[in-house]
């Protein structure tokens, strides 16, 4: 009996020891599981911080790229405006030089016609001139009007004036034909207040005969007009919301006609 009692006691002791070992292992496992969960939570937090940082850096990069594109566009616009202003100034200078040359020619011809003949031997008869070859046929071209330089200068003086439908003065604003009518009035020529009527009132020229002071007409039927200043540029009042400015003649729809103010 004592032997059986001792065996039972040993089994009980072994069971208690096994239970204690199991409890210890369960506690270790629970602690390890908690540590793992904490580590996963820290990793999730780090991942969220990294994603937020990447997003913020991308936003900064997008903003910098947008500012850079805007700066490049502004610089290109500034250079285009500077080039157009230079072309306009050169065109106005050429027109003034043409006017001065025409005035000198007229004055010289008038003086020559009014001068009395000097006494002396009669001039030798002129030799018959060798006939020049006939030029290739082309469209007739009238000289640029004496007021072309003044018209261009007048249009330049109101650059930045807002567009206004039916407007024809710096105080009220300009529409396209109001601007060309007002500018050419400063050049000593009268034009109607309508792009199609101005086309009808000017002399037909081809586009390759354009000179500063000529008018360029757009669309079919004609619905827009600008004042050509040379170098492929014009001064015009484009549309509502815009202002009097210099633009290439290729930017306003289809260029179909050109006319010279006579």
Protein backbone atom coordinates (compact mmCIF):
# COMPACT_ATOMS: atom_id res chain seq x y z
CA UNK A 1 0.00 0.00 0.00
CA UNK A 2 2.77 2.35 0.84
CA UNK A 3 4.28 1.66 -2.58
CA UNK A 4 0.95 2.44 -4.34
CA UNK A 5 0.57 5.62 -2.28
CA UNK A 6 4.06 6.68 -3.21
CA UNK A 7 3.41 6.10 -6.91
CA UNK A 8 0.28 8.23 -6.75
CA UNK A 9 2.14 10.96 -5.01
CA UNK A 10 4.84 10.91 -7.71
CA UNK A 11 2.26 11.10 -10.46
CA UNK A 12 0.60 14.05 -8.73
CA UNK A 13 3.92 15.78 -8.34
CA UNK A 14 4.72 15.15 -12.03
CA UNK A 15 1.33 16.54 -13.06
CA UNK A 16 1.83 19.66 -10.94
CA UNK A 17 5.27 20.14 -12.43
CA UNK A 18 3.93 19.64 -15.95
CA UNK A 19 1.10 22.11 -15.29
CA UNK A 20 3.54 24.68 -13.97
CA UNK A 21 5.75 24.19 -17.01
CA UNK A 22 2.70 24.56 -19.28
CA UNK A 23 1.66 27.72 -17.45
CA UNK A 24 5.17 29.13 -17.82
CA UNK A 25 5.25 28.30 -21.53
CA UNK A 26 1.77 29.83 -22.02
CA UNK A 27 2.91 33.00 -20.29
CA UNK A 28 6.05 33.12 -22.44
CA UNK A 29 3.94 32.56 -25.56
CA UNK A 30 1.46 35.28 -24.55
CA UNK A 31 4.34 37.68 -23.90
CA UNK A 32 5.94 36.83 -27.25
CA UNK A 33 2.59 37.31 -29.00
CA UNK A 34 2.14 40.71 -27.35
CA UNK A 35 5.67 41.70 -28.36
CA UNK A 36 4.91 40.64 -31.93
CA UNK A 37 1.72 42.70 -31.97
CA UNK A 38 3.62 45.70 -30.62
CA UNK A 39 6.26 45.25 -33.31
CA UNK A 40 3.59 45.01 -36.03
CA UNK A 41 1.94 48.17 -34.70
CA UNK A 42 5.31 50.02 -34.75
CA UNK A 43 5.93 48.83 -38.31
CA UNK A 44 2.47 50.00 -39.39
CA UNK A 45 3.13 53.39 -37.80
CA UNK A 46 6.52 53.65 -39.52
CA UNK A 47 4.95 52.66 -42.84
CA UNK A 48 2.23 55.32 -42.44
CA UNK A 49 4.87 57.95 -41.59
CA UNK A 50 6.92 56.97 -44.63
CA UNK A 51 3.89 57.13 -46.93
CA UNK A 52 2.94 60.54 -45.52
CA UNK A 53 6.51 61.76 -46.03
CA UNK A 54 6.59 60.47 -49.62
CA UNK A 55 3.23 62.13 -50.32
CA UNK A 56 4.43 65.43 -48.86
CA UNK A 57 7.63 65.30 -50.90
CA UNK A 58 5.63 64.51 -54.05
CA UNK A 59 3.38 67.50 -53.34
CA UNK A 60 6.47 69.69 -52.95
CA UNK A 61 7.91 68.34 -56.19
CA UNK A 62 4.62 68.91 -58.05
CA UNK A 63 4.44 72.45 -56.69
CA UNK A 64 8.04 73.15 -57.69
CA UNK A 65 7.45 71.76 -61.18
CA UNK A 66 4.32 73.89 -61.55
CA UNK A 67 6.18 77.02 -60.44
CA UNK A 68 9.05 76.17 -62.80
CA UNK A 69 6.67 75.70 -65.73
CA UNK A 70 4.95 79.00 -64.89
CA UNK A 71 8.32 80.77 -64.68
CA UNK A 72 9.42 79.32 -68.03
CA UNK A 73 6.11 80.32 -69.66
CA UNK A 74 6.39 83.85 -68.22
CA UNK A 75 9.95 84.21 -69.50
CA UNK A 76 8.95 82.97 -72.95
CA UNK A 77 6.06 85.44 -73.01
CA UNK A 78 8.39 88.26 -71.89
CA UNK A 79 10.87 87.42 -74.64
CA UNK A 80 8.08 87.22 -77.23
CA UNK A 81 6.71 90.61 -76.14
CA UNK A 82 10.22 92.13 -76.22
CA UNK A 83 10.84 90.76 -79.69
CA UNK A 84 7.46 91.99 -80.88
CA UNK A 85 8.04 95.45 -79.39
CA UNK A 86 11.43 95.64 -81.11
CA UNK A 87 9.87 94.58 -84.41
CA UNK A 88 7.20 97.26 -83.99
CA UNK A 89 9.81 99.92 -83.22
CA UNK A 90 11.88 98.88 -86.22
CA UNK A 91 8.80 98.93 -88.43
CA UNK A 92 7.83 102.39 -87.22
CA UNK A 93 11.39 103.62 -87.84
CA UNK A 94 11.35 102.21 -91.37
CA UNK A 95 7.99 103.82 -92.05
CA UNK A 96 9.25 107.19 -90.79
CA UNK A 97 12.36 106.85 -92.95
CA UNK A 98 10.16 106.13 -95.99
CA UNK A 99 8.03 109.17 -95.21
CA UNK A 100 11.10 111.40 -94.85
CA UNK A 101 12.59 110.06 -98.08
CA UNK A 102 9.30 110.68 -99.89
CA UNK A 103 9.15 114.22 -98.47
CA UNK A 104 12.72 114.95 -99.58
CA UNK A 105 11.99 113.58 -103.06
CA UNK A 106 8.87 115.74 -103.34
CA UNK A 107 10.76 118.85 -102.17
CA UNK A 108 13.65 118.25 -104.58
CA UNK A 109 11.26 117.70 -107.50
CA UNK A 110 9.40 120.91 -106.66
CA UNK A 111 12.60 122.95 -106.50
CA UNK A 112 13.86 121.48 -109.77
CA UNK A 113 10.58 122.22 -111.54
CA UNK A 114 10.55 125.84 -110.28
CA UNK A 115 14.22 126.69 -110.98
CA UNK A 116 14.85 129.02 -114.04
CA UNK A 117 16.92 127.59 -116.88
CA UNK A 118 20.56 128.73 -116.90
CA UNK A 119 21.88 130.47 -120.07
CA UNK A 120 24.47 128.56 -122.00
CA UNK A 121 24.81 126.00 -124.63
CA UNK A 122 21.88 123.83 -125.34
CA UNK A 123 22.03 120.40 -123.78
CA UNK A 124 23.04 117.58 -126.06
CA UNK A 125 20.13 115.52 -127.23
CA UNK A 126 19.59 112.48 -125.04
CA UNK A 127 20.50 109.14 -126.46
CA UNK A 128 17.61 106.80 -126.92
CA UNK A 129 17.47 104.46 -123.95
CA UNK A 130 17.74 100.78 -124.49
CA UNK A 131 14.32 99.35 -123.66
CA UNK A 132 14.41 97.33 -120.45
CA UNK A 133 12.95 93.84 -120.43
CA UNK A 134 9.31 93.76 -119.44
CA UNK A 135 8.89 92.84 -115.75
CA UNK A 136 6.95 89.76 -114.77
CA UNK A 137 3.29 90.59 -114.19
CA UNK A 138 2.38 91.13 -110.51
CA UNK A 139 -0.32 92.71 -108.44
CA UNK A 140 -0.15 96.53 -108.39
CA UNK A 141 1.29 97.82 -105.10
CA UNK A 142 0.68 101.32 -103.82
CA UNK A 143 3.36 102.95 -101.63
CA UNK A 144 2.80 102.84 -97.88
CA UNK A 145 0.67 105.80 -96.88
CA UNK A 146 2.51 108.79 -95.48
CA UNK A 147 0.72 108.22 -92.19
CA UNK A 148 1.75 104.58 -91.66
CA UNK A 149 4.38 105.47 -89.05
CA UNK A 150 1.94 107.71 -87.19
CA UNK A 151 -0.74 104.99 -87.29
CA UNK A 152 1.66 102.40 -85.86
CA UNK A 153 2.89 104.79 -83.17
CA UNK A 154 -0.71 105.60 -82.22
CA UNK A 155 -1.61 101.92 -81.91
CA UNK A 156 1.51 101.29 -79.80
CA UNK A 157 0.54 104.13 -77.47
CA UNK A 158 -2.71 102.39 -76.42
CA UNK A 159 -1.32 98.89 -75.88
CA UNK A 160 -2.94 97.37 -72.79
CA UNK A 161 -6.30 99.11 -73.39
CA UNK A 162 -9.16 96.61 -72.75
CA UNK A 163 -11.25 95.20 -75.60
CA UNK A 164 -14.73 96.65 -75.84
CA UNK A 165 -17.26 95.80 -78.51
CA UNK A 166 -17.97 98.87 -80.69
CA UNK A 167 -15.28 100.80 -78.79
CA UNK A 168 -13.09 103.24 -80.69
CA UNK A 169 -11.18 105.33 -78.14
CA UNK A 170 -8.61 104.87 -75.35
CA UNK A 171 -11.17 106.03 -72.76
CA UNK A 172 -13.84 103.48 -73.68
CA UNK A 173 -11.72 100.64 -75.09
CA UNK A 174 -11.39 99.25 -78.60
CA UNK A 175 -12.79 96.49 -80.72
CA UNK A 176 -10.61 95.33 -83.60
CA UNK A 177 -11.82 97.72 -86.29
CA UNK A 178 -12.22 100.55 -83.78
CA UNK A 179 -8.49 100.31 -83.04
CA UNK A 180 -7.40 100.38 -86.70
CA UNK A 181 -9.84 103.19 -87.46
CA UNK A 182 -8.56 105.27 -84.51
CA UNK A 183 -4.88 104.57 -85.28
CA UNK A 184 -5.16 105.44 -88.96
CA UNK A 185 -7.11 108.60 -88.09
CA UNK A 186 -3.89 109.70 -86.32
CA UNK A 187 -2.12 108.91 -89.56
CA UNK A 188 -4.40 111.22 -91.50
CA UNK A 189 -6.70 108.62 -93.09
CA UNK A 190 -10.37 107.94 -92.46
CA UNK A 191 -11.65 104.35 -92.25
CA UNK A 192 -15.11 102.93 -91.49
CA UNK A 193 -15.80 101.16 -88.19
CA UNK A 194 -16.15 97.59 -89.49
CA UNK A 195 -13.55 94.97 -90.45
CA UNK A 196 -15.39 94.00 -93.62
CA UNK A 197 -16.00 97.65 -94.54
CA UNK A 198 -12.32 98.44 -93.98
CA UNK A 199 -11.40 95.60 -96.30
CA UNK A 200 -13.66 97.09 -98.94
CA UNK A 201 -12.09 100.54 -98.38
CA UNK A 202 -8.46 99.44 -98.79
CA UNK A 203 -6.37 98.51 -101.82
CA UNK A 204 -5.95 94.77 -102.41
CA UNK A 205 -2.42 93.42 -101.91
CA UNK A 206 -1.05 89.89 -101.62
CA UNK A 207 0.27 88.62 -98.31
CA UNK A 208 3.86 88.60 -99.56
CA UNK A 209 3.53 92.34 -100.29
CA UNK A 210 2.71 93.27 -96.68
CA UNK A 211 4.42 96.39 -95.34
CA UNK A 212 4.13 98.20 -91.97
CA UNK A 213 0.84 100.06 -91.79
CA UNK A 214 -1.11 97.58 -93.94
CA UNK A 215 -4.24 95.93 -92.58
CA UNK A 216 -4.58 92.16 -92.23
CA UNK A 217 -8.01 90.52 -92.29
CA UNK A 218 -9.08 87.18 -90.86
CA UNK A 219 -11.72 84.50 -91.39
CA UNK A 220 -14.32 84.08 -94.09
CA UNK A 221 -16.52 86.07 -93.94
CA UNK A 222 -14.11 88.65 -92.56
CA UNK A 223 -14.59 89.14 -88.81
CA UNK A 224 -11.27 90.47 -87.50
CA UNK A 225 -8.64 93.04 -88.54
CA UNK A 226 -5.19 93.98 -87.25
CA UNK A 227 -2.54 96.62 -88.03
CA UNK A 228 0.57 95.01 -89.54
CA UNK A 229 3.84 96.32 -88.02
CA UNK A 230 6.39 94.11 -89.81
CA UNK A 231 8.27 90.97 -88.87
CA UNK A 232 5.12 88.85 -89.10
CA UNK A 233 3.57 90.82 -86.17
CA UNK A 234 0.48 92.96 -85.79
CA UNK A 235 -1.14 95.19 -83.18
CA UNK A 236 -4.79 94.29 -82.60
CA UNK A 237 -7.61 94.15 -80.06
CA UNK A 238 -8.49 90.43 -80.04
CA UNK A 239 -11.71 89.78 -78.09
CA UNK A 240 -13.65 90.32 -74.87
CA UNK A 241 -11.43 89.81 -71.83
CA UNK A 242 -8.25 90.68 -73.71
CA UNK A 243 -6.36 93.92 -74.39
CA UNK A 244 -4.68 95.75 -77.26
CA UNK A 245 -1.42 93.88 -77.82
CA UNK A 246 1.14 92.63 -80.32
CA UNK A 247 0.64 89.12 -81.72
CA UNK A 248 1.95 87.06 -84.64
CA UNK A 249 -0.42 87.26 -87.60
CA UNK A 250 -0.64 83.46 -87.50
CA UNK A 251 -2.52 83.37 -84.16
CA UNK A 252 -5.95 84.75 -85.02
CA UNK A 253 -7.65 82.12 -87.10
CA UNK A 254 -7.25 82.00 -90.84
CA UNK A 255 -5.47 85.00 -92.40
CA UNK A 256 -7.22 85.46 -95.73
CA UNK A 257 -6.81 89.05 -96.94
CA UNK A 258 -4.53 92.08 -96.77
CA UNK A 259 -5.26 95.69 -97.66
CA UNK A 260 -3.31 98.94 -97.96
CA UNK A 261 -4.69 102.26 -96.76
CA UNK A 262 -4.35 104.64 -99.68
